[in-house]
N, C-alpha and C. Protein backbone atom coordinates (compact mmCIF):
# COMPACT_ATOMS: atom_id res chain seq x y z
N UNK A 1 -120.81 180.95 -6.74
CA UNK A 1 -122.09 182.02 -6.50
C UNK A 1 -122.03 182.56 -5.38
N UNK A 2 -122.16 183.96 -5.49
CA UNK A 2 -121.90 184.69 -4.09
C UNK A 2 -122.76 184.26 -2.98
N UNK A 3 -123.85 184.17 -3.40
CA UNK A 3 -125.00 183.82 -2.04
C UNK A 3 -124.65 182.58 -1.52
N UNK A 4 -124.32 181.61 -2.06
CA UNK A 4 -123.65 180.29 -1.65
C UNK A 4 -122.33 180.47 -0.88
N UNK A 5 -121.39 181.08 -1.71
CA UNK A 5 -120.12 180.97 -0.90
C UNK A 5 -119.45 182.35 -0.36
N UNK A 6 -120.56 183.52 -0.11
CA UNK A 6 -120.05 184.50 0.36
C UNK A 6 -120.14 184.70 1.94
N UNK A 7 -119.96 185.58 2.39
CA UNK A 7 -120.04 185.91 4.01
C UNK A 7 -121.35 185.93 4.30
N UNK A 8 -121.80 184.93 5.20
CA UNK A 8 -123.10 184.96 5.52
C UNK A 8 -123.90 186.27 6.34
N UNK A 9 -124.87 186.69 5.78
CA UNK A 9 -125.46 187.80 6.09
C UNK A 9 -127.06 187.77 5.97
N UNK A 10 -127.82 188.84 6.16
CA UNK A 10 -129.08 188.82 6.03
C UNK A 10 -129.43 189.22 4.52
N UNK A 11 -129.74 188.28 3.55
CA UNK A 11 -129.74 188.62 2.09
C UNK A 11 -131.01 189.17 1.81
N UNK A 12 -132.17 189.17 2.46
CA UNK A 12 -133.28 189.32 2.20
C UNK A 12 -134.11 188.31 1.48
N UNK A 13 -133.37 187.21 1.01
CA UNK A 13 -133.94 186.22 0.13
C UNK A 13 -134.77 185.07 1.17
N UNK A 14 -135.76 184.63 0.63
CA UNK A 14 -136.39 183.49 1.40
C UNK A 14 -136.27 182.16 0.62
N UNK A 15 -136.45 180.84 1.04
CA UNK A 15 -136.48 179.69 0.47
C UNK A 15 -134.85 179.33 0.17
N UNK A 16 -133.86 179.60 1.04
CA UNK A 16 -132.72 179.38 1.04
C UNK A 16 -132.52 177.94 1.68
N UNK A 17 -131.66 177.09 1.04
CA UNK A 17 -131.72 175.52 1.59
C UNK A 17 -131.22 175.52 2.73
N UNK A 18 -130.58 176.33 3.58
CA UNK A 18 -130.13 176.38 4.96
C UNK A 18 -131.10 177.02 5.96
N UNK A 19 -132.27 177.49 5.48
CA UNK A 19 -133.19 178.05 6.19
C UNK A 19 -134.32 177.14 6.71
N UNK A 20 -133.84 176.33 7.63
CA UNK A 20 -134.63 175.18 8.20
C UNK A 20 -135.29 175.68 9.38
N UNK A 21 -136.63 175.56 9.60
CA UNK A 21 -137.15 175.92 10.99
C UNK A 21 -137.78 174.70 11.43
N UNK A 22 -137.22 174.41 12.42
CA UNK A 22 -137.75 173.08 13.37
C UNK A 22 -139.12 173.46 14.22
N UNK A 23 -139.91 172.56 14.26
CA UNK A 23 -141.11 172.87 15.18
C UNK A 23 -140.69 172.81 16.76
N UNK A 24 -141.32 173.53 17.68
CA UNK A 24 -141.30 173.58 19.03
C UNK A 24 -141.02 172.24 19.54
N UNK A 25 -141.80 171.11 19.18
CA UNK A 25 -141.57 169.82 19.81
C UNK A 25 -140.67 169.18 19.07
N UNK A 26 -139.90 169.70 18.15
CA UNK A 26 -138.89 169.06 17.56
C UNK A 26 -139.21 167.84 16.56
N UNK A 27 -140.61 167.67 16.23
CA UNK A 27 -140.88 166.52 15.48
C UNK A 27 -141.00 166.76 14.00
N UNK A 28 -141.23 168.00 13.54
CA UNK A 28 -141.05 168.21 12.11
C UNK A 28 -140.29 169.46 11.92
N UNK A 29 -140.27 169.85 10.40
CA UNK A 29 -139.37 170.98 10.23
C UNK A 29 -140.17 171.45 9.03
N UNK A 30 -139.88 172.93 8.65
CA UNK A 30 -140.13 173.57 7.60
C UNK A 30 -139.21 174.06 6.65
N UNK A 31 -139.07 173.91 5.46
CA UNK A 31 -138.10 174.46 4.67
C UNK A 31 -138.92 174.81 3.41
N UNK A 32 -138.38 175.59 2.68
CA UNK A 32 -139.02 176.22 1.32
C UNK A 32 -140.35 176.53 1.56
N UNK A 33 -140.84 177.00 2.66
CA UNK A 33 -142.34 177.25 3.11
C UNK A 33 -143.02 175.87 2.91
N UNK A 34 -142.53 174.77 3.12
CA UNK A 34 -143.17 173.45 3.14
C UNK A 34 -142.98 172.96 4.73
N UNK A 35 -144.09 172.75 5.17
CA UNK A 35 -143.94 171.87 6.63
C UNK A 35 -144.01 170.37 6.23
N UNK A 36 -142.95 169.65 6.62
CA UNK A 36 -142.84 168.26 6.23
C UNK A 36 -143.98 167.66 7.02
N UNK A 37 -144.72 166.74 6.31
CA UNK A 37 -145.89 165.89 6.87
C UNK A 37 -147.18 166.57 6.89
N UNK A 38 -147.12 167.93 6.71
CA UNK A 38 -148.45 168.60 6.59
C UNK A 38 -148.83 169.34 5.44
N UNK A 39 -147.75 169.98 4.81
CA UNK A 39 -148.14 170.75 3.55
C UNK A 39 -148.56 169.94 2.41
N UNK A 40 -149.66 169.94 1.67
CA UNK A 40 -150.38 169.26 0.65
C UNK A 40 -149.46 169.54 -0.71
N UNK A 41 -149.20 168.57 -1.50
CA UNK A 41 -148.48 168.90 -2.71
C UNK A 41 -149.17 169.86 -3.49
N UNK A 42 -150.20 169.98 -3.39
CA UNK A 42 -150.84 171.22 -4.34
C UNK A 42 -150.52 172.48 -3.95
N UNK A 43 -150.30 172.71 -2.69
CA UNK A 43 -149.69 174.16 -2.27
C UNK A 43 -148.16 174.34 -2.78
N UNK A 44 -147.43 173.03 -3.07
CA UNK A 44 -146.26 173.14 -3.51
C UNK A 44 -146.26 173.50 -5.08
N UNK A 45 -147.20 172.78 -5.59
CA UNK A 45 -147.52 173.15 -7.04
C UNK A 45 -147.86 174.58 -7.27
N UNK A 46 -148.74 175.21 -6.46
CA UNK A 46 -149.23 176.51 -6.52
C UNK A 46 -147.94 177.39 -6.45
N UNK A 47 -147.07 176.98 -5.21
CA UNK A 47 -145.92 177.99 -4.99
C UNK A 47 -144.79 178.09 -6.15
N UNK A 48 -144.57 176.85 -6.86
CA UNK A 48 -143.66 176.67 -7.72
C UNK A 48 -144.43 177.14 -9.27
N UNK A 49 -145.64 177.04 -9.19
CA UNK A 49 -146.46 177.40 -10.54
C UNK A 49 -145.78 176.21 -11.63
N UNK A 50 -145.84 174.96 -11.19
CA UNK A 50 -145.25 174.02 -12.15
C UNK A 50 -146.32 172.75 -11.63
N UNK A 51 -146.53 172.05 -12.57
CA UNK A 51 -147.25 170.60 -12.27
C UNK A 51 -146.16 169.67 -12.40
N UNK A 52 -146.09 168.98 -11.23
CA UNK A 52 -144.81 168.01 -11.17
C UNK A 52 -145.12 166.67 -11.89
N UNK A 53 -144.10 165.79 -12.00
CA UNK A 53 -144.12 164.44 -12.77
C UNK A 53 -144.55 163.64 -11.57
N UNK A 54 -145.45 162.95 -11.25
CA UNK A 54 -145.62 162.20 -10.08
C UNK A 54 -145.83 160.59 -10.70
N UNK A 55 -145.03 159.71 -9.72
CA UNK A 55 -145.06 158.31 -10.24
C UNK A 55 -144.89 157.39 -8.85
N UNK A 56 -145.40 156.13 -9.00
CA UNK A 56 -145.20 155.36 -8.05
C UNK A 56 -144.21 154.35 -8.53
N UNK A 57 -143.13 154.30 -7.38
CA UNK A 57 -141.90 153.48 -7.83
C UNK A 57 -141.68 152.11 -6.74
N UNK A 58 -141.53 151.18 -7.44
CA UNK A 58 -141.51 150.02 -6.80
C UNK A 58 -139.90 149.72 -6.78
N UNK A 59 -139.16 149.82 -5.65
CA UNK A 59 -137.73 149.45 -5.68
C UNK A 59 -137.57 148.00 -5.70
N UNK A 60 -136.22 147.69 -6.17
CA UNK A 60 -135.94 146.06 -6.21
C UNK A 60 -136.13 145.45 -5.01
N UNK A 61 -136.25 145.84 -3.72
CA UNK A 61 -136.33 145.21 -2.67
C UNK A 61 -137.89 144.90 -2.40
N UNK A 62 -138.84 145.61 -3.10
CA UNK A 62 -140.09 145.46 -3.21
C UNK A 62 -140.91 146.71 -2.38
N UNK A 63 -140.20 147.68 -1.64
CA UNK A 63 -140.73 148.80 -1.08
C UNK A 63 -141.31 149.65 -2.25
N UNK A 64 -142.20 150.51 -1.93
CA UNK A 64 -142.92 151.56 -2.87
C UNK A 64 -142.71 152.96 -2.44
N UNK A 65 -142.49 153.88 -3.02
CA UNK A 65 -142.42 155.43 -2.89
C UNK A 65 -143.34 156.02 -3.91
N UNK A 66 -144.16 157.00 -3.45
CA UNK A 66 -145.02 158.01 -4.44
C UNK A 66 -144.15 159.33 -4.28
N UNK A 67 -143.78 159.52 -5.62
CA UNK A 67 -142.78 160.79 -5.71
C UNK A 67 -143.35 161.41 -6.60
N UNK A 68 -142.88 163.03 -6.36
CA UNK A 68 -143.29 164.07 -7.21
C UNK A 68 -142.28 164.85 -7.70
N UNK A 69 -142.00 164.96 -9.00
CA UNK A 69 -140.66 165.65 -9.37
C UNK A 69 -140.87 166.81 -9.96
N UNK A 70 -140.27 167.86 -9.43
CA UNK A 70 -140.15 169.51 -10.16
C UNK A 70 -138.79 169.68 -10.95
N UNK A 71 -138.74 169.91 -12.12
CA UNK A 71 -137.36 170.10 -12.71
C UNK A 71 -137.33 171.38 -12.83
N UNK A 72 -136.09 171.75 -12.44
CA UNK A 72 -135.57 173.20 -12.83
C UNK A 72 -136.53 174.33 -12.29
N UNK A 73 -136.60 174.22 -10.83
CA UNK A 73 -137.19 175.20 -10.31
C UNK A 73 -136.09 176.40 -9.57
N UNK A 74 -136.71 177.46 -9.42
CA UNK A 74 -135.90 178.61 -8.71
C UNK A 74 -136.43 178.89 -7.28
N UNK A 75 -135.58 178.55 -6.17
CA UNK A 75 -135.86 178.82 -4.90
C UNK A 75 -134.88 179.84 -4.43
N UNK A 76 -135.25 180.99 -3.93
CA UNK A 76 -134.37 181.81 -3.62
C UNK A 76 -133.48 182.23 -4.98
N UNK A 77 -132.29 182.61 -4.94
CA UNK A 77 -131.44 182.72 -5.91
C UNK A 77 -130.87 181.52 -6.78
N UNK A 78 -131.36 180.46 -6.23
CA UNK A 78 -131.04 179.28 -6.88
C UNK A 78 -131.70 178.38 -7.84
N UNK A 79 -131.17 177.64 -8.64
CA UNK A 79 -131.89 176.73 -9.35
C UNK A 79 -131.52 175.38 -8.89
N UNK A 80 -132.53 174.34 -8.86
CA UNK A 80 -132.34 173.21 -8.43
C UNK A 80 -133.72 172.41 -9.08
N UNK A 81 -133.37 170.95 -8.80
CA UNK A 81 -134.52 170.02 -9.13
C UNK A 81 -135.08 169.69 -7.92
N UNK A 82 -136.34 169.24 -7.69
CA UNK A 82 -136.89 168.99 -6.53
C UNK A 82 -137.89 167.98 -6.50
N UNK A 83 -137.53 166.92 -5.58
CA UNK A 83 -138.19 165.59 -5.62
C UNK A 83 -138.98 165.55 -4.29
N UNK A 84 -140.32 165.33 -4.04
CA UNK A 84 -141.02 165.27 -3.07
C UNK A 84 -141.53 163.86 -2.79
N UNK A 85 -141.41 163.18 -1.55
CA UNK A 85 -141.97 161.97 -1.25
C UNK A 85 -143.16 162.32 -0.56
N UNK A 86 -144.31 161.73 -1.06
CA UNK A 86 -145.65 161.92 -0.53
C UNK A 86 -146.14 160.91 0.44
N UNK A 87 -146.88 161.16 1.49
CA UNK A 87 -147.44 160.66 2.49
C UNK A 87 -148.61 159.84 2.23
N UNK A 88 -148.29 158.76 1.61
CA UNK A 88 -149.68 157.66 0.92
C UNK A 88 -149.65 156.70 1.71
N UNK A 89 -150.91 156.27 2.29
CA UNK A 89 -151.16 154.98 2.89
C UNK A 89 -151.18 153.96 2.10
N UNK A 90 -151.20 152.64 2.54
CA UNK A 90 -151.35 151.31 1.66
C UNK A 90 -152.62 151.31 0.94
N UNK A 91 -153.69 151.91 1.31
CA UNK A 91 -154.91 151.87 0.50
C UNK A 91 -154.81 152.73 -0.59
N UNK A 92 -154.38 153.87 -0.65
CA UNK A 92 -154.03 154.44 -1.68
C UNK A 92 -153.10 154.06 -2.60
N UNK A 93 -152.02 153.78 -2.20
CA UNK A 93 -151.12 152.90 -3.11
C UNK A 93 -151.70 151.91 -4.00
N UNK A 94 -152.69 150.96 -3.38
CA UNK A 94 -153.21 150.01 -4.07
C UNK A 94 -154.24 150.32 -4.97
N UNK A 95 -154.76 151.81 -4.82
CA UNK A 95 -155.58 152.37 -5.77
C UNK A 95 -154.75 152.82 -7.11
N UNK A 96 -153.64 153.18 -6.81
CA UNK A 96 -152.77 153.81 -7.80
C UNK A 96 -152.53 152.42 -8.90
N UNK A 97 -152.04 151.31 -8.03
CA UNK A 97 -151.84 150.17 -8.73
C UNK A 97 -152.95 149.77 -9.76
N UNK A 98 -154.18 149.68 -9.01
CA UNK A 98 -155.35 149.17 -9.83
C UNK A 98 -155.58 150.19 -11.05
N UNK A 99 -155.26 151.31 -10.79
CA UNK A 99 -155.63 152.42 -12.14
C UNK A 99 -154.63 152.77 -12.74
N UNK A 100 -153.33 152.28 -12.49
CA UNK A 100 -152.08 152.91 -13.30
C UNK A 100 -152.10 152.43 -14.76
N UNK A 101 -151.35 153.36 -15.43
CA UNK A 101 -151.81 153.42 -16.97
C UNK A 101 -150.38 152.98 -17.54
N UNK A 102 -149.38 152.87 -16.94
CA UNK A 102 -148.01 152.36 -17.57
C UNK A 102 -147.05 151.78 -16.25
N UNK A 103 -146.32 150.91 -16.88
CA UNK A 103 -145.31 150.50 -15.68
C UNK A 103 -143.85 150.39 -16.59
N UNK A 104 -142.94 151.10 -16.19
CA UNK A 104 -141.88 150.91 -17.07
C UNK A 104 -140.65 150.92 -16.16
N UNK A 105 -139.44 150.19 -16.67
CA UNK A 105 -138.37 150.33 -15.80
C UNK A 105 -137.52 151.53 -15.91
N UNK A 106 -136.63 151.62 -14.48
CA UNK A 106 -135.86 152.84 -14.71
C UNK A 106 -134.36 152.38 -14.45
N UNK A 107 -133.52 153.04 -14.95
CA UNK A 107 -132.11 153.00 -14.67
C UNK A 107 -131.53 152.27 -13.49
N UNK A 108 -132.49 152.65 -12.28
CA UNK A 108 -132.10 152.54 -11.00
C UNK A 108 -132.17 151.12 -10.65
N UNK A 109 -132.89 150.60 -11.36
CA UNK A 109 -133.68 148.90 -11.30
C UNK A 109 -135.05 149.15 -10.45
N UNK A 110 -135.43 150.27 -10.60
CA UNK A 110 -136.81 150.34 -9.95
C UNK A 110 -137.79 150.40 -11.13
N UNK A 111 -139.15 150.15 -10.79
CA UNK A 111 -140.11 150.53 -11.92
C UNK A 111 -140.95 151.69 -11.47
N UNK A 112 -141.40 152.38 -12.56
CA UNK A 112 -142.24 153.36 -12.52
C UNK A 112 -143.51 153.07 -12.78
N UNK A 113 -144.61 153.61 -12.11
CA UNK A 113 -145.97 153.36 -12.52
C UNK A 113 -146.57 154.86 -12.65
N UNK A 114 -147.13 155.04 -13.94
CA UNK A 114 -147.91 156.26 -14.20
C UNK A 114 -149.14 156.38 -13.60
N UNK A 115 -149.80 157.25 -13.11
CA UNK A 115 -150.83 157.64 -12.38
C UNK A 115 -151.87 157.78 -13.45
N UNK A 116 -153.24 157.38 -13.11
CA UNK A 116 -154.23 157.79 -14.02
C UNK A 116 -154.42 159.35 -13.72
N UNK A 117 -155.32 159.98 -14.35
CA UNK A 117 -155.65 161.36 -14.07
C UNK A 117 -156.41 161.78 -12.94
N UNK A 118 -157.19 160.82 -12.52
CA UNK A 118 -158.00 160.83 -11.27
C UNK A 118 -157.04 160.61 -10.09
N UNK A 119 -156.06 159.63 -10.18
CA UNK A 119 -155.31 159.43 -9.15
C UNK A 119 -154.05 160.70 -9.05
N UNK A 120 -153.82 161.06 -10.04
CA UNK A 120 -152.76 162.32 -10.16
C UNK A 120 -153.68 163.35 -9.22
N UNK A 121 -154.87 163.74 -9.77
CA UNK A 121 -155.72 164.82 -8.92
C UNK A 121 -155.61 164.53 -7.33
N UNK A 122 -155.87 163.19 -7.07
CA UNK A 122 -156.04 162.90 -5.58
C UNK A 122 -154.59 162.98 -5.01
N UNK A 123 -153.61 162.71 -5.76
CA UNK A 123 -152.28 162.60 -5.17
C UNK A 123 -151.74 164.20 -4.85
N UNK A 124 -152.31 165.08 -5.38
CA UNK A 124 -151.99 166.64 -5.26
C UNK A 124 -152.53 167.00 -3.64
N UNK A 125 -153.58 166.40 -3.16
CA UNK A 125 -154.07 166.39 -1.97
C UNK A 125 -153.13 165.90 -0.76
N UNK A 126 -152.26 164.89 -0.99
CA UNK A 126 -151.47 164.31 -0.08
C UNK A 126 -150.35 165.14 0.41
N UNK A 127 -150.12 164.89 1.71
CA UNK A 127 -148.89 165.84 2.34
C UNK A 127 -147.61 165.59 2.01
N UNK A 128 -146.53 166.39 1.76
CA UNK A 128 -145.07 166.12 1.47
C UNK A 128 -144.54 165.66 2.64
N UNK A 129 -143.83 164.30 2.86
CA UNK A 129 -143.38 163.91 3.99
C UNK A 129 -141.92 164.18 3.85
N UNK A 130 -141.10 164.08 2.71
CA UNK A 130 -139.65 164.40 2.63
C UNK A 130 -139.49 164.93 1.48
N UNK A 131 -138.48 165.69 1.36
CA UNK A 131 -137.79 166.59 0.19
C UNK A 131 -136.27 166.25 -0.30
N UNK A 132 -136.26 165.97 -1.36
CA UNK A 132 -134.93 165.94 -2.01
C UNK A 132 -134.62 167.01 -2.75
N UNK A 133 -133.32 167.87 -2.61
CA UNK A 133 -133.07 168.88 -3.34
C UNK A 133 -132.00 168.86 -3.97
N UNK A 134 -131.91 169.00 -5.37
CA UNK A 134 -130.60 168.80 -6.17
C UNK A 134 -130.29 169.95 -6.66
N UNK A 135 -129.19 170.67 -6.04
CA UNK A 135 -128.98 171.95 -6.63
C UNK A 135 -128.31 172.16 -7.90
N UNK A 136 -128.25 172.93 -8.65
CA UNK A 136 -127.29 173.25 -9.70
C UNK A 136 -125.97 173.81 -9.39
N UNK A 137 -125.91 174.59 -8.48
CA UNK A 137 -124.53 175.00 -7.87
C UNK A 137 -123.93 174.02 -7.01
N UNK A 138 -122.56 173.70 -7.01
CA UNK A 138 -121.65 172.82 -6.56
C UNK A 138 -121.42 173.32 -5.11
N UNK A 139 -121.15 172.24 -4.08
CA UNK A 139 -121.13 172.54 -2.57
C UNK A 139 -119.88 171.99 -2.51
N UNK A 140 -119.10 172.62 -1.34
CA UNK A 140 -117.83 171.88 -1.04
C UNK A 140 -117.97 172.06 0.55
N UNK A 141 -116.88 171.50 1.21
CA UNK A 141 -116.81 171.18 2.61
C UNK A 141 -116.79 172.71 3.19
N UNK A 142 -116.22 173.78 2.52
CA UNK A 142 -116.10 175.04 3.24
C UNK A 142 -117.41 175.60 3.17
N UNK A 143 -118.11 175.66 1.94
CA UNK A 143 -119.30 176.25 2.01
C UNK A 143 -120.36 175.69 3.03
N UNK A 144 -120.44 174.44 3.05
CA UNK A 144 -121.14 173.67 3.83
C UNK A 144 -121.12 174.21 5.34
N UNK A 145 -120.14 174.10 5.89
CA UNK A 145 -119.68 174.55 7.37
C UNK A 145 -120.08 176.20 7.34
N UNK A 146 -119.99 176.91 6.30
CA UNK A 146 -120.24 178.32 6.59
C UNK A 146 -121.71 178.59 6.56
N UNK A 147 -122.47 177.62 5.87
CA UNK A 147 -124.04 177.90 5.85
C UNK A 147 -124.65 177.18 6.59
N UNK A 148 -124.40 175.78 6.71
CA UNK A 148 -125.10 174.86 7.70
C UNK A 148 -124.50 174.60 9.05
N UNK A 149 -123.19 174.76 9.13
CA UNK A 149 -122.46 174.51 10.32
C UNK A 149 -122.00 173.09 10.69
N UNK A 150 -121.44 172.99 11.73
CA UNK A 150 -120.62 171.55 11.83
C UNK A 150 -121.67 170.44 11.68
N UNK A 151 -121.60 169.40 11.16
CA UNK A 151 -122.74 168.24 11.09
C UNK A 151 -122.49 167.49 12.49
N UNK A 152 -123.60 166.56 12.71
CA UNK A 152 -123.24 165.90 13.89
C UNK A 152 -122.58 164.62 13.61
N UNK A 153 -122.72 164.36 12.44
CA UNK A 153 -121.99 163.01 12.02
C UNK A 153 -121.43 163.22 10.49
N UNK A 154 -120.35 162.62 10.03
CA UNK A 154 -119.92 162.48 8.84
C UNK A 154 -120.03 161.00 8.42
N UNK A 155 -120.45 160.79 7.37
CA UNK A 155 -120.35 159.28 6.82
C UNK A 155 -119.73 159.17 5.43
N UNK A 156 -118.52 158.83 5.52
CA UNK A 156 -117.86 158.72 4.12
C UNK A 156 -118.28 157.45 3.50
N UNK A 157 -118.55 157.38 2.19
CA UNK A 157 -118.92 156.07 1.53
C UNK A 157 -117.97 155.96 0.43
N UNK A 158 -118.31 155.02 -0.57
CA UNK A 158 -117.44 155.03 -1.74
C UNK A 158 -117.67 155.73 -2.79
N UNK A 159 -116.86 155.64 -3.83
CA UNK A 159 -117.00 156.49 -5.12
C UNK A 159 -117.16 158.17 -4.94
N UNK A 160 -116.29 158.56 -3.89
CA UNK A 160 -116.30 160.11 -3.63
C UNK A 160 -117.62 160.69 -3.02
N UNK A 161 -118.35 160.21 -2.35
CA UNK A 161 -119.62 160.49 -1.82
C UNK A 161 -119.32 160.48 -0.18
N UNK A 162 -119.97 161.56 0.37
CA UNK A 162 -119.80 161.93 1.64
C UNK A 162 -121.06 162.33 2.17
N UNK A 163 -121.56 161.62 3.36
CA UNK A 163 -122.97 162.12 3.95
C UNK A 163 -122.67 163.13 5.30
N UNK A 164 -123.13 164.41 5.15
CA UNK A 164 -123.15 165.00 6.54
C UNK A 164 -124.60 165.02 7.15
N UNK A 165 -124.65 164.60 8.35
CA UNK A 165 -125.83 164.30 9.07
C UNK A 165 -126.12 165.44 9.98
N UNK A 166 -127.41 166.07 9.91
CA UNK A 166 -127.92 167.18 10.82
C UNK A 166 -129.34 166.66 11.51
N UNK A 167 -129.23 165.66 12.42
CA UNK A 167 -130.46 165.14 12.97
C UNK A 167 -131.45 166.09 13.40
N UNK A 168 -130.99 167.10 14.29
CA UNK A 168 -131.82 168.22 14.76
C UNK A 168 -132.42 168.98 13.90
N UNK A 169 -131.95 168.91 12.46
CA UNK A 169 -132.93 169.60 11.50
C UNK A 169 -133.46 168.77 10.64
N UNK A 170 -133.32 167.38 10.85
CA UNK A 170 -133.77 166.32 9.56
C UNK A 170 -133.21 166.58 8.41
N UNK A 171 -131.96 167.00 8.33
CA UNK A 171 -131.19 167.23 6.98
C UNK A 171 -129.94 166.37 6.80
N UNK A 172 -129.90 165.76 5.84
CA UNK A 172 -128.76 164.78 5.20
C UNK A 172 -128.35 165.51 4.14
N UNK A 173 -126.98 166.06 3.82
CA UNK A 173 -126.36 166.58 2.83
C UNK A 173 -125.32 165.56 2.31
N UNK A 174 -125.62 165.43 0.99
CA UNK A 174 -124.57 164.32 0.39
C UNK A 174 -123.57 165.09 -0.60
N UNK A 175 -122.41 165.24 -0.36
CA UNK A 175 -121.33 165.89 -0.96
C UNK A 175 -120.98 164.69 -2.21
N UNK A 176 -120.90 165.15 -3.34
CA UNK A 176 -120.43 163.90 -4.40
C UNK A 176 -119.40 164.60 -5.23
N UNK A 177 -118.04 164.28 -5.40
CA UNK A 177 -116.93 164.53 -6.14
C UNK A 177 -117.27 164.40 -7.44
N UNK A 178 -118.01 163.15 -7.79
CA UNK A 178 -118.23 162.61 -9.06
C UNK A 178 -119.66 162.96 -9.78
N UNK A 179 -120.52 163.84 -9.20
CA UNK A 179 -121.95 163.65 -9.61
C UNK A 179 -122.53 165.11 -8.87
N UNK A 180 -123.86 165.03 -8.89
CA UNK A 180 -124.62 166.20 -8.37
C UNK A 180 -124.72 165.93 -6.79
N UNK A 181 -124.52 167.22 -6.06
CA UNK A 181 -124.69 167.05 -4.61
C UNK A 181 -126.03 167.02 -4.42
N UNK A 182 -126.74 166.83 -3.24
CA UNK A 182 -128.01 166.50 -2.83
C UNK A 182 -128.21 166.83 -1.39
N UNK A 183 -129.48 167.54 -1.03
CA UNK A 183 -129.81 167.60 0.18
C UNK A 183 -131.17 167.10 0.35
N UNK A 184 -131.14 166.22 1.64
CA UNK A 184 -132.42 165.50 1.85
C UNK A 184 -132.92 166.08 3.09
N UNK A 185 -134.19 166.52 3.20
CA UNK A 185 -134.94 166.99 4.44
C UNK A 185 -136.21 165.95 4.88
N UNK A 186 -136.22 165.74 6.31
CA UNK A 186 -137.32 164.86 6.68
C UNK A 186 -137.61 165.44 8.06
N UNK A 187 -138.71 164.92 8.34
CA UNK A 187 -139.08 165.36 9.87
C UNK A 187 -137.99 164.82 10.66
N UNK A 188 -137.46 165.55 11.73
CA UNK A 188 -136.29 165.21 12.63
C UNK A 188 -136.87 164.01 13.31
N UNK A 189 -138.20 163.81 13.54
CA UNK A 189 -138.80 162.69 14.42
C UNK A 189 -138.38 161.26 13.43
N UNK A 190 -138.32 161.50 12.27
CA UNK A 190 -138.09 160.30 11.27
C UNK A 190 -136.73 160.23 10.84
N UNK A 191 -135.68 161.02 11.53
CA UNK A 191 -134.56 161.00 11.18
C UNK A 191 -133.69 159.68 11.18
N UNK A 192 -133.91 158.80 12.15
CA UNK A 192 -133.38 157.80 12.52
C UNK A 192 -133.53 156.74 11.27
N UNK A 193 -134.72 156.63 10.78
CA UNK A 193 -135.08 155.75 9.58
C UNK A 193 -134.27 156.24 8.31
N UNK A 194 -133.97 157.46 8.37
CA UNK A 194 -133.46 157.98 6.97
C UNK A 194 -131.86 157.68 7.01
N UNK A 195 -131.29 157.74 8.30
CA UNK A 195 -130.01 157.32 8.47
C UNK A 195 -129.85 155.83 8.45
N UNK A 196 -130.48 155.04 8.79
CA UNK A 196 -130.64 153.79 8.52
C UNK A 196 -130.63 153.40 7.22
N UNK A 197 -131.48 154.13 6.29
CA UNK A 197 -131.26 153.81 4.74
C UNK A 197 -130.18 153.95 4.26
N UNK A 198 -129.25 155.00 4.83
CA UNK A 198 -127.97 155.37 4.29
C UNK A 198 -127.00 154.18 4.85
N UNK A 199 -127.15 153.76 6.06
CA UNK A 199 -126.22 152.86 6.43
C UNK A 199 -126.46 151.48 5.83
N UNK A 200 -127.79 151.27 5.34
CA UNK A 200 -127.83 149.93 4.46
C UNK A 200 -127.51 150.00 3.06
N UNK A 201 -126.92 151.20 2.84
CA UNK A 201 -126.49 151.40 1.30
C UNK A 201 -127.50 151.86 0.51
N UNK A 202 -128.42 152.47 0.90
CA UNK A 202 -129.59 153.09 0.08
C UNK A 202 -129.39 154.59 -0.07
N UNK A 203 -128.52 154.95 -0.74
CA UNK A 203 -128.06 156.47 -0.68
C UNK A 203 -129.16 157.26 -1.34
N UNK A 204 -128.95 158.63 -1.08
CA UNK A 204 -130.01 159.74 -1.58
C UNK A 204 -130.27 159.30 -3.14
N UNK A 205 -129.48 158.86 -3.95
CA UNK A 205 -129.75 158.61 -5.47
C UNK A 205 -130.85 157.88 -5.65
N UNK A 206 -131.22 156.81 -4.58
CA UNK A 206 -132.37 156.11 -4.82
C UNK A 206 -133.75 156.79 -4.71
N UNK A 207 -133.51 158.05 -4.00
CA UNK A 207 -134.72 158.72 -4.00
C UNK A 207 -135.05 159.65 -4.98
N UNK A 208 -134.12 159.65 -5.94
CA UNK A 208 -134.19 160.64 -7.37
C UNK A 208 -134.19 159.52 -8.47
N UNK A 209 -135.29 159.22 -8.85
CA UNK A 209 -135.22 157.99 -9.99
C UNK A 209 -135.12 158.64 -11.16
């Protein structure tokens, strides 16, 4: 696709995956008009004109994440799936568990708890903490270097996957020879914990249930 692999220039498009704005204090970042840790899910819903699928996931290690999934969205000229991790405290999570309407296993080994209507409405008010962007377009090293620049670190892993780390932007880009590429955005202040998850073997795929 030209916009991805062509010569960089001012295309006039917004919502491009390499358009990451870091706050002056370096603690958070803004991408796709979403300020991580601040923008509520409802604003994302209004922007995309889609109601996300929201679920509480319990991972095999017992940790829990509240995720909202948007399928086949268009951001700029590109189509992608979007997963947002919501900033929910323990009390909110326990309310979801108490009112949950179904609990089913996922292929990843996690379990997904469906939210009640009331908790779904409440979840829309929560801020988006992290974003995983799964593009339909394929990336390669040349394209990534042209659009995102040289990463601070590259972490090769098994099965044809490679992580490119941009800690100053809070960005991890996973190139996957055998599957979908992924881009993961987090507040730069939280980047160390994201990197630690990768080093522990908790790949970005675990964030896309």
